[in-house]
């Protein structure tokens, strides 16, 4: 690889790390892990996650939205990456098996035309599905953007109540970030106090507000 190509790769990886880095770093990937990216966002994130894995590990990238699975496949795809295009309903243990790490990074366009209640129900359903695909001792990182980053505390509260009793929220600490803890009081309703361990990144003036939650799955 030429020095120019190396510089381009490093630059692209740096941009991708800034864009997706919080979610990926919170996954805490080990080289042997089997990882699911439920809403794979394309080549850069795929390369970034795959670089954390060795020949024992595997990334299943579920390419959604307007992204072309064929156009991505024509590019250089790491050997430890499997690309799929599955609907929410087909993301099941029977179809794709279980995972050590699951990234549920939901694009802002998801649910844009739904009512607030319908949107919350969709997010709860997706998050419960992500948890159901996670192995004992595994981890799910949940991340939303823009308008979807609002009122996520209600979503998390319902998921904590509906999920297996061994599923627990992990406190998130991201030093040197403009961030605030998740709210435990929403619309006059007292929520699970563990929700304070979630995180909002960005400010009211920010164009890319994000919400992050990390779940540890202990079933035994």
N, C-alpha and C. Protein backbone atom coordinates (compact mmCIF):
# COMPACT_ATOMS: atom_id res chain seq x y z
N UNK A 1 0.85 -1.19 0.00
CA UNK A 1 0.00 0.00 0.00
C UNK A 1 0.89 1.24 0.00
N UNK A 2 0.62 2.21 -0.90
CA UNK A 2 1.42 3.42 -0.98
C UNK A 2 1.16 4.30 0.22
N UNK A 3 2.09 5.28 0.43
CA UNK A 3 1.92 6.18 1.58
C UNK A 3 0.65 7.00 1.44
N UNK A 4 0.29 7.37 0.19
CA UNK A 4 -0.93 8.14 -0.02
C UNK A 4 -2.15 7.31 0.35
N UNK A 5 -2.13 6.02 -0.06
CA UNK A 5 -3.25 5.13 0.26
C UNK A 5 -3.36 4.92 1.76
N UNK A 6 -2.20 4.77 2.42
CA UNK A 6 -2.20 4.61 3.87
C UNK A 6 -2.78 5.83 4.54
N UNK A 7 -2.36 7.03 4.08
CA UNK A 7 -2.88 8.27 4.65
C UNK A 7 -4.39 8.36 4.46
N UNK A 8 -4.87 7.97 3.26
CA UNK A 8 -6.31 8.01 2.99
C UNK A 8 -7.06 7.06 3.90
N UNK A 9 -6.48 5.86 4.12
CA UNK A 9 -7.14 4.87 4.98
C UNK A 9 -7.21 5.37 6.41
N UNK A 10 -6.09 5.92 6.90
CA UNK A 10 -6.05 6.44 8.27
C UNK A 10 -7.04 7.58 8.44
N UNK A 11 -7.11 8.47 7.42
CA UNK A 11 -8.04 9.60 7.48
C UNK A 11 -9.48 9.11 7.51
N UNK A 12 -9.80 8.14 6.64
CA UNK A 12 -11.17 7.60 6.60
C UNK A 12 -11.52 6.92 7.91
N UNK A 13 -10.55 6.18 8.46
CA UNK A 13 -10.80 5.49 9.73
C UNK A 13 -11.00 6.49 10.85
N UNK A 14 -10.23 7.60 10.82
CA UNK A 14 -10.36 8.62 11.85
C UNK A 14 -11.73 9.27 11.80
N UNK A 15 -12.22 9.58 10.58
CA UNK A 15 -13.55 10.17 10.42
C UNK A 15 -14.62 9.22 10.92
N UNK A 16 -14.47 7.94 10.54
CA UNK A 16 -15.45 6.94 10.94
C UNK A 16 -15.45 6.74 12.45
N UNK A 17 -14.26 6.78 13.04
CA UNK A 17 -14.16 6.62 14.49
C UNK A 17 -14.88 7.74 15.21
N UNK A 18 -14.72 8.98 14.71
CA UNK A 18 -15.40 10.11 15.33
C UNK A 18 -16.91 9.98 15.17
N UNK A 19 -17.35 9.47 14.01
CA UNK A 19 -18.78 9.38 13.73
C UNK A 19 -19.45 8.24 14.49
N UNK A 20 -18.78 7.08 14.53
CA UNK A 20 -19.39 5.89 15.12
C UNK A 20 -18.68 5.41 16.38
N UNK A 21 -17.61 6.11 16.76
CA UNK A 21 -16.70 5.58 17.76
C UNK A 21 -17.30 5.29 19.12
N UNK A 22 -18.26 6.12 19.57
CA UNK A 22 -18.83 5.91 20.90
C UNK A 22 -19.51 4.55 20.97
N UNK A 23 -20.36 4.27 20.00
CA UNK A 23 -21.07 3.00 20.00
C UNK A 23 -20.14 1.82 19.90
N UNK A 24 -19.14 1.91 19.03
CA UNK A 24 -18.22 0.80 18.82
C UNK A 24 -17.33 0.59 20.04
N UNK A 25 -16.82 1.67 20.62
CA UNK A 25 -15.95 1.52 21.79
C UNK A 25 -16.71 0.92 22.97
N UNK A 26 -17.99 1.28 23.11
CA UNK A 26 -18.79 0.75 24.22
C UNK A 26 -19.12 -0.73 24.05
N UNK A 27 -19.01 -1.24 22.83
CA UNK A 27 -19.20 -2.68 22.63
C UNK A 27 -18.13 -3.48 23.34
N UNK A 28 -16.93 -2.91 23.48
CA UNK A 28 -15.82 -3.59 24.14
C UNK A 28 -15.57 -4.96 23.49
N UNK A 29 -15.27 -4.92 22.20
CA UNK A 29 -15.13 -6.13 21.39
C UNK A 29 -13.83 -6.86 21.70
N UNK A 30 -13.92 -8.18 21.85
CA UNK A 30 -12.76 -9.06 21.94
C UNK A 30 -12.54 -9.70 20.58
N UNK A 31 -11.29 -10.07 20.26
CA UNK A 31 -10.98 -10.59 18.92
C UNK A 31 -11.82 -11.80 18.49
N UNK A 32 -12.26 -12.62 19.45
CA UNK A 32 -12.98 -13.85 19.10
C UNK A 32 -14.50 -13.66 19.07
N UNK A 33 -14.98 -12.48 19.31
CA UNK A 33 -16.42 -12.26 19.43
C UNK A 33 -17.17 -12.41 18.11
N UNK A 34 -18.43 -12.79 18.25
CA UNK A 34 -19.37 -12.73 17.13
C UNK A 34 -20.23 -11.49 17.35
N UNK A 35 -20.22 -10.58 16.37
CA UNK A 35 -20.82 -9.25 16.53
C UNK A 35 -21.91 -9.05 15.49
N UNK A 36 -23.02 -8.46 15.91
CA UNK A 36 -24.10 -8.10 14.99
C UNK A 36 -24.26 -6.59 14.95
N UNK A 37 -24.22 -6.03 13.75
CA UNK A 37 -24.57 -4.63 13.52
C UNK A 37 -25.96 -4.65 12.89
N UNK A 38 -27.00 -4.40 13.70
CA UNK A 38 -28.38 -4.58 13.25
C UNK A 38 -28.77 -3.62 12.14
N UNK A 39 -28.21 -2.42 12.15
CA UNK A 39 -28.48 -1.45 11.09
C UNK A 39 -27.14 -0.99 10.51
N UNK A 40 -26.46 -1.90 9.84
CA UNK A 40 -25.14 -1.60 9.28
C UNK A 40 -25.18 -0.37 8.40
N UNK A 41 -24.23 0.54 8.62
CA UNK A 41 -24.27 1.83 7.91
C UNK A 41 -23.27 1.91 6.77
N UNK A 42 -22.67 0.79 6.41
CA UNK A 42 -21.79 0.83 5.25
C UNK A 42 -20.37 0.39 5.52
N UNK A 43 -19.54 0.62 4.48
CA UNK A 43 -18.19 0.07 4.44
C UNK A 43 -17.29 0.55 5.57
N UNK A 44 -17.33 1.83 5.91
CA UNK A 44 -16.39 2.36 6.90
C UNK A 44 -16.61 1.74 8.28
N UNK A 45 -17.85 1.69 8.72
CA UNK A 45 -18.11 1.10 10.03
C UNK A 45 -17.81 -0.39 10.02
N UNK A 46 -18.13 -1.04 8.92
CA UNK A 46 -17.84 -2.45 8.78
C UNK A 46 -16.35 -2.72 8.95
N UNK A 47 -15.52 -1.92 8.29
CA UNK A 47 -14.07 -2.08 8.39
C UNK A 47 -13.59 -1.81 9.80
N UNK A 48 -14.18 -0.82 10.45
CA UNK A 48 -13.76 -0.44 11.79
C UNK A 48 -14.04 -1.56 12.80
N UNK A 49 -15.23 -2.15 12.72
CA UNK A 49 -15.57 -3.25 13.63
C UNK A 49 -14.74 -4.48 13.30
N UNK A 50 -14.62 -4.80 12.00
CA UNK A 50 -13.88 -6.00 11.59
C UNK A 50 -12.43 -5.94 12.02
N UNK A 51 -11.87 -4.73 12.10
CA UNK A 51 -10.47 -4.58 12.50
C UNK A 51 -10.24 -4.99 13.95
N UNK A 52 -11.32 -5.06 14.74
CA UNK A 52 -11.22 -5.47 16.14
C UNK A 52 -11.23 -6.99 16.30
N UNK A 53 -11.54 -7.71 15.21
CA UNK A 53 -11.72 -9.16 15.27
C UNK A 53 -10.56 -9.89 14.61
N UNK A 54 -10.32 -11.13 15.05
CA UNK A 54 -9.34 -11.97 14.37
C UNK A 54 -10.07 -13.05 13.59
N UNK A 55 -9.33 -14.09 13.14
CA UNK A 55 -9.95 -15.12 12.30
C UNK A 55 -11.02 -15.93 13.03
N UNK A 56 -11.04 -15.88 14.35
CA UNK A 56 -12.07 -16.58 15.11
C UNK A 56 -13.36 -15.78 15.20
N UNK A 57 -13.25 -14.47 15.07
CA UNK A 57 -14.41 -13.60 15.22
C UNK A 57 -15.20 -13.46 13.94
N UNK A 58 -16.39 -12.88 14.07
CA UNK A 58 -17.25 -12.68 12.91
C UNK A 58 -18.14 -11.46 13.13
N UNK A 59 -18.28 -10.67 12.09
CA UNK A 59 -19.23 -9.55 12.09
C UNK A 59 -20.33 -9.86 11.10
N UNK A 60 -21.57 -9.82 11.57
CA UNK A 60 -22.73 -9.90 10.69
C UNK A 60 -23.28 -8.48 10.56
N UNK A 61 -23.16 -7.91 9.37
CA UNK A 61 -23.60 -6.53 9.12
C UNK A 61 -24.91 -6.58 8.35
N UNK A 62 -25.98 -6.16 8.98
CA UNK A 62 -27.29 -6.16 8.35
C UNK A 62 -27.50 -4.82 7.66
N UNK A 63 -27.29 -4.80 6.36
CA UNK A 63 -27.33 -3.55 5.59
C UNK A 63 -28.77 -3.17 5.31
N UNK A 64 -29.16 -1.96 5.76
CA UNK A 64 -30.54 -1.54 5.64
C UNK A 64 -30.66 -0.24 4.86
N UNK A 65 -31.92 0.18 4.65
CA UNK A 65 -32.18 1.47 4.02
C UNK A 65 -31.80 1.50 2.55
N UNK A 66 -31.28 2.65 2.12
CA UNK A 66 -30.97 2.86 0.71
C UNK A 66 -29.62 2.30 0.32
N UNK A 67 -28.85 1.83 1.28
CA UNK A 67 -27.53 1.27 0.97
C UNK A 67 -27.68 0.04 0.09
N UNK A 68 -26.80 -0.08 -0.90
CA UNK A 68 -26.84 -1.20 -1.81
C UNK A 68 -25.92 -2.30 -1.32
N UNK A 69 -26.49 -3.45 -1.02
CA UNK A 69 -25.70 -4.60 -0.58
C UNK A 69 -24.71 -5.00 -1.67
N UNK A 70 -25.17 -4.94 -2.92
CA UNK A 70 -24.32 -5.35 -4.03
C UNK A 70 -23.14 -4.41 -4.21
N UNK A 71 -23.36 -3.11 -4.07
CA UNK A 71 -22.27 -2.15 -4.24
C UNK A 71 -21.22 -2.30 -3.15
N UNK A 72 -21.66 -2.64 -1.93
CA UNK A 72 -20.71 -2.86 -0.84
C UNK A 72 -19.94 -4.14 -1.07
N UNK A 73 -20.63 -5.19 -1.56
CA UNK A 73 -19.97 -6.47 -1.79
C UNK A 73 -18.89 -6.36 -2.85
N UNK A 74 -19.06 -5.42 -3.80
CA UNK A 74 -18.06 -5.28 -4.86
C UNK A 74 -16.76 -4.68 -4.33
N UNK A 75 -16.82 -4.04 -3.18
CA UNK A 75 -15.61 -3.48 -2.59
C UNK A 75 -14.87 -4.56 -1.79
N UNK A 76 -13.74 -4.19 -1.25
CA UNK A 76 -12.94 -5.14 -0.49
C UNK A 76 -13.60 -5.39 0.87
N UNK A 77 -14.15 -6.57 1.03
CA UNK A 77 -14.83 -6.92 2.27
C UNK A 77 -13.99 -7.91 3.07
N UNK A 78 -13.72 -7.64 4.34
CA UNK A 78 -12.93 -8.56 5.16
C UNK A 78 -13.54 -9.96 5.19
N UNK A 79 -12.69 -10.96 5.33
CA UNK A 79 -13.15 -12.35 5.32
C UNK A 79 -14.02 -12.68 6.53
N UNK A 80 -13.86 -11.93 7.61
CA UNK A 80 -14.64 -12.24 8.81
C UNK A 80 -15.95 -11.45 8.87
N UNK A 81 -16.41 -10.95 7.71
CA UNK A 81 -17.66 -10.19 7.64
C UNK A 81 -18.68 -10.93 6.79
N UNK A 82 -19.90 -11.06 7.32
CA UNK A 82 -21.03 -11.60 6.58
C UNK A 82 -22.05 -10.48 6.44
N UNK A 83 -22.47 -10.20 5.21
CA UNK A 83 -23.45 -9.13 4.98
C UNK A 83 -24.82 -9.73 4.68
N UNK A 84 -25.84 -9.15 5.28
CA UNK A 84 -27.21 -9.60 5.08
C UNK A 84 -28.10 -8.39 4.82
N UNK A 85 -29.31 -8.66 4.38
CA UNK A 85 -30.35 -7.62 4.30
C UNK A 85 -31.64 -8.25 4.80
N UNK A 86 -31.81 -8.22 6.12
CA UNK A 86 -32.94 -8.89 6.75
C UNK A 86 -33.89 -7.87 7.38
N UNK A 87 -35.17 -8.15 7.30
CA UNK A 87 -36.17 -7.32 7.97
C UNK A 87 -36.09 -7.54 9.48
N UNK A 88 -36.75 -6.67 10.24
CA UNK A 88 -36.76 -6.81 11.69
C UNK A 88 -37.22 -8.21 12.11
N UNK A 89 -38.26 -8.71 11.45
CA UNK A 89 -38.84 -9.99 11.83
C UNK A 89 -37.88 -11.15 11.59
N UNK A 90 -37.02 -11.02 10.59
CA UNK A 90 -36.09 -12.11 10.26
C UNK A 90 -34.81 -12.05 11.09
N UNK A 91 -34.64 -11.00 11.87
CA UNK A 91 -33.50 -10.94 12.78
C UNK A 91 -33.84 -11.78 14.01
N UNK A 92 -33.67 -13.08 13.88
CA UNK A 92 -34.08 -14.02 14.92
C UNK A 92 -32.98 -15.04 15.17
N UNK A 93 -33.06 -15.72 16.32
CA UNK A 93 -32.09 -16.76 16.65
C UNK A 93 -32.09 -17.86 15.60
N UNK A 94 -33.27 -18.19 15.08
CA UNK A 94 -33.37 -19.25 14.08
C UNK A 94 -32.69 -18.85 12.78
N UNK A 95 -32.73 -17.58 12.45
CA UNK A 95 -32.20 -17.10 11.16
C UNK A 95 -30.70 -16.81 11.23
N UNK A 96 -30.25 -16.17 12.30
CA UNK A 96 -28.85 -15.72 12.33
C UNK A 96 -28.08 -16.15 13.57
N UNK A 97 -28.72 -16.81 14.52
CA UNK A 97 -28.01 -17.27 15.71
C UNK A 97 -27.85 -16.19 16.76
N UNK A 98 -26.97 -16.45 17.73
CA UNK A 98 -26.75 -15.52 18.84
C UNK A 98 -25.39 -14.85 18.73
N UNK A 99 -25.20 -13.78 19.53
CA UNK A 99 -24.01 -12.94 19.39
C UNK A 99 -23.45 -12.54 20.76
N UNK A 100 -22.14 -12.29 20.77
CA UNK A 100 -21.49 -11.77 21.98
C UNK A 100 -21.74 -10.28 22.13
N UNK A 101 -21.84 -9.58 21.01
CA UNK A 101 -22.05 -8.14 21.02
C UNK A 101 -23.07 -7.78 19.94
N UNK A 102 -23.99 -6.88 20.30
CA UNK A 102 -24.99 -6.40 19.35
C UNK A 102 -25.00 -4.88 19.37
N UNK A 103 -24.84 -4.27 18.19
CA UNK A 103 -24.92 -2.82 18.06
C UNK A 103 -26.25 -2.48 17.40
N UNK A 104 -27.08 -1.73 18.11
CA UNK A 104 -28.35 -1.24 17.56
C UNK A 104 -28.23 0.27 17.45
N UNK A 105 -27.70 0.72 16.33
CA UNK A 105 -27.49 2.14 16.05
C UNK A 105 -28.57 2.55 15.06
N UNK A 106 -29.64 3.15 15.58
CA UNK A 106 -30.84 3.38 14.78
C UNK A 106 -30.76 4.70 14.03
N UNK A 107 -30.87 4.67 12.69
CA UNK A 107 -30.81 5.91 11.90
C UNK A 107 -31.96 6.85 12.25
N UNK A 108 -31.71 8.15 12.10
CA UNK A 108 -32.72 9.15 12.45
C UNK A 108 -33.97 9.03 11.59
N UNK A 109 -33.84 8.48 10.38
CA UNK A 109 -35.00 8.41 9.49
C UNK A 109 -36.00 7.34 9.90
N UNK A 110 -35.57 6.40 10.77
CA UNK A 110 -36.49 5.36 11.22
C UNK A 110 -37.60 5.97 12.07
N UNK A 111 -38.83 5.72 11.69
CA UNK A 111 -39.96 6.19 12.48
C UNK A 111 -40.29 7.66 12.31
N UNK A 112 -39.70 8.31 11.31
CA UNK A 112 -39.93 9.75 11.15
C UNK A 112 -41.39 10.07 10.90
N UNK A 113 -42.10 9.17 10.23
CA UNK A 113 -43.50 9.44 9.88
C UNK A 113 -44.48 8.74 10.83
N UNK A 114 -43.96 8.22 11.94
CA UNK A 114 -44.82 7.58 12.92
C UNK A 114 -45.22 8.57 14.01
N UNK A 115 -46.29 8.27 14.70
CA UNK A 115 -46.64 9.08 15.87
C UNK A 115 -45.63 8.80 16.97
N UNK A 116 -45.63 9.65 17.99
CA UNK A 116 -44.69 9.47 19.09
C UNK A 116 -44.87 8.11 19.75
N UNK A 117 -46.11 7.70 19.93
CA UNK A 117 -46.38 6.40 20.57
C UNK A 117 -45.90 5.25 19.68
N UNK A 118 -46.21 5.34 18.38
CA UNK A 118 -45.79 4.30 17.45
C UNK A 118 -44.26 4.21 17.39
N UNK A 119 -43.63 5.36 17.42
CA UNK A 119 -42.16 5.40 17.37
C UNK A 119 -41.56 4.73 18.60
N UNK A 120 -42.12 5.03 19.77
CA UNK A 120 -41.63 4.41 21.00
C UNK A 120 -41.82 2.90 20.97
N UNK A 121 -42.98 2.46 20.48
CA UNK A 121 -43.24 1.02 20.39
C UNK A 121 -42.25 0.35 19.45
N UNK A 122 -41.91 1.01 18.35
CA UNK A 122 -40.93 0.45 17.40
C UNK A 122 -39.56 0.34 18.06
N UNK A 123 -39.15 1.36 18.79
CA UNK A 123 -37.84 1.33 19.44
C UNK A 123 -37.78 0.25 20.52
N UNK A 124 -38.85 0.12 21.30
CA UNK A 124 -38.91 -0.93 22.32
C UNK A 124 -38.79 -2.30 21.67
N UNK A 125 -39.52 -2.51 20.58
CA UNK A 125 -39.50 -3.79 19.88
C UNK A 125 -38.10 -4.11 19.35
N UNK A 126 -37.44 -3.12 18.75
CA UNK A 126 -36.10 -3.33 18.21
C UNK A 126 -35.09 -3.65 19.31
N UNK A 127 -35.20 -2.93 20.42
CA UNK A 127 -34.24 -3.13 21.51
C UNK A 127 -34.45 -4.50 22.18
N UNK A 128 -35.69 -4.90 22.37
CA UNK A 128 -35.95 -6.22 22.93
C UNK A 128 -35.46 -7.32 21.98
N UNK A 129 -35.58 -7.08 20.68
CA UNK A 129 -35.07 -8.05 19.71
C UNK A 129 -33.55 -8.15 19.79
N UNK A 130 -32.89 -7.00 19.92
CA UNK A 130 -31.43 -6.99 20.04
C UNK A 130 -30.99 -7.78 21.27
N UNK A 131 -31.68 -7.58 22.38
CA UNK A 131 -31.35 -8.28 23.62
C UNK A 131 -31.58 -9.79 23.47
N UNK A 132 -32.63 -10.16 22.75
CA UNK A 132 -32.94 -11.59 22.57
C UNK A 132 -31.87 -12.30 21.75
N UNK A 133 -31.09 -11.56 20.96
CA UNK A 133 -30.04 -12.14 20.13
C UNK A 133 -28.70 -12.19 20.83
N UNK A 134 -28.64 -11.67 22.04
CA UNK A 134 -27.38 -11.57 22.78
C UNK A 134 -27.18 -12.78 23.68
N UNK A 135 -25.98 -13.33 23.64
CA UNK A 135 -25.64 -14.49 24.46
C UNK A 135 -25.48 -14.11 25.93
N UNK A 136 -25.52 -15.13 26.79
CA UNK A 136 -25.24 -14.92 28.20
C UNK A 136 -23.84 -14.33 28.36
N UNK A 137 -23.73 -13.25 29.10
CA UNK A 137 -22.46 -12.57 29.26
C UNK A 137 -22.18 -11.55 28.18
N UNK A 138 -23.13 -11.37 27.27
CA UNK A 138 -22.94 -10.45 26.15
C UNK A 138 -23.38 -9.03 26.46
N UNK A 139 -23.30 -8.20 25.43
CA UNK A 139 -23.59 -6.77 25.62
C UNK A 139 -24.32 -6.22 24.40
N UNK A 140 -25.29 -5.35 24.67
CA UNK A 140 -26.01 -4.62 23.62
C UNK A 140 -25.76 -3.14 23.80
N UNK A 141 -25.35 -2.47 22.72
CA UNK A 141 -25.21 -1.01 22.73
C UNK A 141 -26.34 -0.44 21.87
N UNK A 142 -27.14 0.43 22.50
CA UNK A 142 -28.30 1.05 21.85
C UNK A 142 -27.98 2.53 21.64
N UNK A 143 -28.20 3.00 20.41
CA UNK A 143 -27.82 4.37 20.08
C UNK A 143 -28.84 4.96 19.11
N UNK A 144 -29.34 6.15 19.42
CA UNK A 144 -30.26 6.85 18.53
C UNK A 144 -29.73 8.24 18.22
N UNK A 145 -30.27 8.84 17.17
CA UNK A 145 -29.78 10.13 16.68
C UNK A 145 -30.93 11.11 16.47
N UNK A 146 -30.59 12.40 16.49
CA UNK A 146 -31.53 13.45 16.12
C UNK A 146 -32.83 13.38 16.91
N UNK A 147 -33.97 13.45 16.19
CA UNK A 147 -35.27 13.45 16.87
C UNK A 147 -35.52 12.16 17.63
N UNK A 148 -34.88 11.07 17.22
CA UNK A 148 -35.06 9.79 17.91
C UNK A 148 -34.37 9.78 19.27
N UNK A 149 -33.46 10.73 19.49
CA UNK A 149 -32.75 10.77 20.77
C UNK A 149 -33.61 11.34 21.90
N UNK A 150 -34.81 11.83 21.57
CA UNK A 150 -35.69 12.41 22.57
C UNK A 150 -36.56 11.32 23.22
N UNK A 151 -36.78 11.47 24.51
CA UNK A 151 -37.69 10.59 25.25
C UNK A 151 -37.30 9.12 25.23
N UNK A 152 -36.02 8.84 25.04
CA UNK A 152 -35.57 7.45 25.06
C UNK A 152 -35.67 6.83 26.44
N UNK A 153 -35.67 7.66 27.47
CA UNK A 153 -35.76 7.13 28.83
C UNK A 153 -37.02 6.28 29.02
N UNK A 154 -38.13 6.69 28.41
CA UNK A 154 -39.37 5.90 28.51
C UNK A 154 -39.20 4.54 27.84
N UNK A 155 -38.47 4.54 26.72
CA UNK A 155 -38.19 3.29 26.00
C UNK A 155 -37.36 2.36 26.88
N UNK A 156 -36.30 2.90 27.47
CA UNK A 156 -35.41 2.10 28.31
C UNK A 156 -36.16 1.57 29.53
N UNK A 157 -37.01 2.39 30.12
CA UNK A 157 -37.77 1.98 31.30
C UNK A 157 -38.65 0.77 30.98
N UNK A 158 -39.31 0.81 29.83
CA UNK A 158 -40.18 -0.31 29.46
C UNK A 158 -39.36 -1.56 29.17
N UNK A 159 -38.22 -1.39 28.50
CA UNK A 159 -37.38 -2.54 28.17
C UNK A 159 -36.85 -3.21 29.43
N UNK A 160 -36.43 -2.41 30.41
CA UNK A 160 -35.94 -2.97 31.67
C UNK A 160 -37.02 -3.82 32.33
N UNK A 161 -38.27 -3.37 32.24
CA UNK A 161 -39.38 -4.10 32.85
C UNK A 161 -39.75 -5.36 32.07
N UNK A 162 -39.60 -5.31 30.73
CA UNK A 162 -40.05 -6.41 29.87
C UNK A 162 -38.98 -7.45 29.61
N UNK A 163 -37.71 -7.07 29.71
CA UNK A 163 -36.62 -7.99 29.37
C UNK A 163 -36.37 -8.99 30.50
N UNK A 164 -35.53 -9.97 30.21
CA UNK A 164 -35.12 -10.97 31.21
C UNK A 164 -34.55 -10.27 32.43
N UNK A 165 -34.80 -10.82 33.61
CA UNK A 165 -34.36 -10.18 34.85
C UNK A 165 -32.84 -10.06 34.95
N UNK A 166 -32.12 -10.85 34.14
CA UNK A 166 -30.66 -10.78 34.16
C UNK A 166 -30.08 -9.68 33.30
N UNK A 167 -30.95 -8.94 32.59
CA UNK A 167 -30.49 -7.83 31.74
C UNK A 167 -30.36 -6.58 32.60
N UNK A 168 -29.19 -5.95 32.56
CA UNK A 168 -28.93 -4.79 33.41
C UNK A 168 -28.31 -3.66 32.62
N UNK A 169 -28.62 -2.43 33.02
CA UNK A 169 -28.00 -1.25 32.42
C UNK A 169 -26.60 -1.05 32.99
N UNK A 170 -25.67 -0.70 32.13
CA UNK A 170 -24.32 -0.38 32.56
C UNK A 170 -24.14 1.14 32.53
N UNK A 171 -23.52 1.69 33.55
CA UNK A 171 -23.27 3.13 33.57
C UNK A 171 -22.26 3.50 32.49
N UNK A 172 -22.57 4.56 31.75
CA UNK A 172 -21.69 5.03 30.68
C UNK A 172 -20.91 6.24 31.16
N UNK A 173 -19.61 6.21 30.94
CA UNK A 173 -18.75 7.35 31.25
C UNK A 173 -17.93 7.66 30.01
N UNK A 174 -18.12 8.85 29.45
CA UNK A 174 -17.34 9.29 28.29
C UNK A 174 -16.68 10.62 28.66
N UNK A 175 -15.45 10.58 29.13
CA UNK A 175 -14.76 11.81 29.55
C UNK A 175 -14.62 12.81 28.41
N UNK A 176 -14.61 14.08 28.77
CA UNK A 176 -14.36 15.17 27.82
C UNK A 176 -15.44 15.29 26.74
N UNK A 177 -16.65 14.81 27.04
CA UNK A 177 -17.75 14.94 26.10
C UNK A 177 -18.81 15.88 26.66
N UNK A 178 -19.46 16.64 25.75
CA UNK A 178 -20.62 17.45 26.15
C UNK A 178 -21.79 16.50 26.29
N UNK A 179 -22.02 16.03 27.51
CA UNK A 179 -23.02 14.98 27.71
C UNK A 179 -23.78 15.20 29.00
N UNK A 180 -24.96 14.59 29.08
CA UNK A 180 -25.77 14.66 30.30
C UNK A 180 -26.38 13.29 30.56
N UNK A 181 -26.60 12.99 31.83
CA UNK A 181 -27.16 11.69 32.21
C UNK A 181 -28.63 11.59 31.81
N UNK A 182 -29.09 10.36 31.60
CA UNK A 182 -30.49 10.13 31.30
C UNK A 182 -31.38 10.58 32.44
N UNK A 183 -32.58 11.04 32.10
CA UNK A 183 -33.52 11.54 33.10
C UNK A 183 -34.29 10.39 33.74
N UNK A 184 -34.50 10.48 35.04
CA UNK A 184 -35.28 9.45 35.74
C UNK A 184 -36.68 9.94 36.10
N UNK A 185 -37.00 11.15 35.67
CA UNK A 185 -38.35 11.69 35.83
C UNK A 185 -38.77 12.26 34.48
N UNK A 186 -39.83 11.70 33.91
CA UNK A 186 -40.25 12.10 32.56
C UNK A 186 -41.76 12.25 32.53
N UNK A 187 -42.22 13.47 32.19
CA UNK A 187 -43.66 13.72 32.13
C UNK A 187 -44.36 13.47 33.45
N UNK A 188 -43.66 13.74 34.55
CA UNK A 188 -44.23 13.52 35.86
C UNK A 188 -44.18 12.08 36.33
N UNK A 189 -43.63 11.19 35.50
CA UNK A 189 -43.54 9.77 35.84
C UNK A 189 -42.14 9.42 36.33
N UNK A 190 -42.06 8.76 37.46
CA UNK A 190 -40.78 8.31 38.01
C UNK A 190 -40.34 7.06 37.28
N UNK A 191 -39.14 7.11 36.71
CA UNK A 191 -38.60 5.98 35.96
C UNK A 191 -37.57 5.22 36.79
N UNK A 192 -37.16 4.09 36.27
CA UNK A 192 -36.15 3.27 36.96
C UNK A 192 -34.90 4.11 37.20
N UNK A 193 -34.41 4.18 38.43
CA UNK A 193 -33.24 5.02 38.73
C UNK A 193 -31.97 4.64 37.98
N UNK A 194 -31.91 3.39 37.49
CA UNK A 194 -30.72 2.96 36.74
C UNK A 194 -30.57 3.69 35.41
N UNK A 195 -31.65 4.33 34.97
CA UNK A 195 -31.61 5.05 33.69
C UNK A 195 -30.65 6.23 33.76
N UNK A 196 -30.31 6.67 34.96
CA UNK A 196 -29.30 7.73 35.11
C UNK A 196 -27.95 7.31 34.55
N UNK A 197 -27.77 6.01 34.30
CA UNK A 197 -26.53 5.52 33.72
C UNK A 197 -26.46 5.63 32.22
N UNK A 198 -27.57 6.03 31.57
CA UNK A 198 -27.56 6.27 30.13
C UNK A 198 -27.03 7.67 29.86
N UNK A 199 -26.88 8.02 28.59
CA UNK A 199 -26.21 9.29 28.28
C UNK A 199 -26.79 9.97 27.05
N UNK A 200 -27.00 11.28 27.17
CA UNK A 200 -27.30 12.13 26.02
C UNK A 200 -26.01 12.86 25.64
N UNK A 201 -25.64 12.80 24.37
CA UNK A 201 -24.46 13.49 23.88
C UNK A 201 -24.91 14.64 22.98
N UNK A 202 -24.31 15.80 23.16
CA UNK A 202 -24.67 16.97 22.37
C UNK A 202 -25.47 17.96 23.19
N UNK A 203 -25.84 19.06 22.56
CA UNK A 203 -26.60 20.12 23.22
C UNK A 203 -27.85 20.42 22.41
N UNK A 204 -28.69 21.29 22.92
CA UNK A 204 -29.91 21.67 22.20
C UNK A 204 -29.58 22.30 20.86
N UNK A 205 -28.42 22.95 20.76
CA UNK A 205 -28.03 23.60 19.51
C UNK A 205 -27.34 22.64 18.55
N UNK A 206 -27.03 21.44 19.01
CA UNK A 206 -26.30 20.48 18.19
C UNK A 206 -27.19 19.89 17.12
N UNK A 207 -26.60 19.63 15.94
CA UNK A 207 -27.36 19.04 14.84
C UNK A 207 -27.35 17.51 14.92
N UNK A 208 -26.56 16.94 15.79
CA UNK A 208 -26.47 15.49 15.89
C UNK A 208 -26.48 15.04 17.34
N UNK A 209 -27.61 15.27 18.00
CA UNK A 209 -27.76 14.77 19.37
C UNK A 209 -27.85 13.25 19.33
N UNK A 210 -27.28 12.61 20.34
CA UNK A 210 -27.31 11.16 20.40
C UNK A 210 -27.69 10.70 21.81
N UNK A 211 -28.30 9.53 21.84
CA UNK A 211 -28.63 8.90 23.11
C UNK A 211 -27.98 7.53 23.13
N UNK A 212 -27.35 7.19 24.24
CA UNK A 212 -26.63 5.92 24.35
C UNK A 212 -27.06 5.15 25.60
N UNK A 213 -27.25 3.85 25.44
CA UNK A 213 -27.51 2.96 26.57
C UNK A 213 -26.77 1.66 26.32
N UNK A 214 -26.23 1.08 27.38
CA UNK A 214 -25.50 -0.18 27.28
C UNK A 214 -26.15 -1.20 28.21
N UNK A 215 -26.48 -2.36 27.66
CA UNK A 215 -27.10 -3.44 28.42
C UNK A 215 -26.15 -4.62 28.54
N UNK A 216 -26.01 -5.13 29.75
CA UNK A 216 -25.27 -6.36 30.00
C UNK A 216 -26.29 -7.49 30.16
N UNK A 217 -26.05 -8.60 29.49
CA UNK A 217 -27.00 -9.71 29.49
C UNK A 217 -26.45 -10.89 30.27
N UNK A 218 -27.02 -11.12 31.44
CA UNK A 218 -26.63 -12.25 32.29
C UNK A 218 -27.86 -13.10 32.53
N UNK A 219 -27.93 -14.23 31.88
CA UNK A 219 -29.13 -15.05 31.94
C UNK A 219 -29.04 -16.19 32.94
N UNK A 220 -27.84 -16.51 33.40
CA UNK A 220 -27.66 -17.64 34.31
C UNK A 220 -27.16 -17.19 35.68
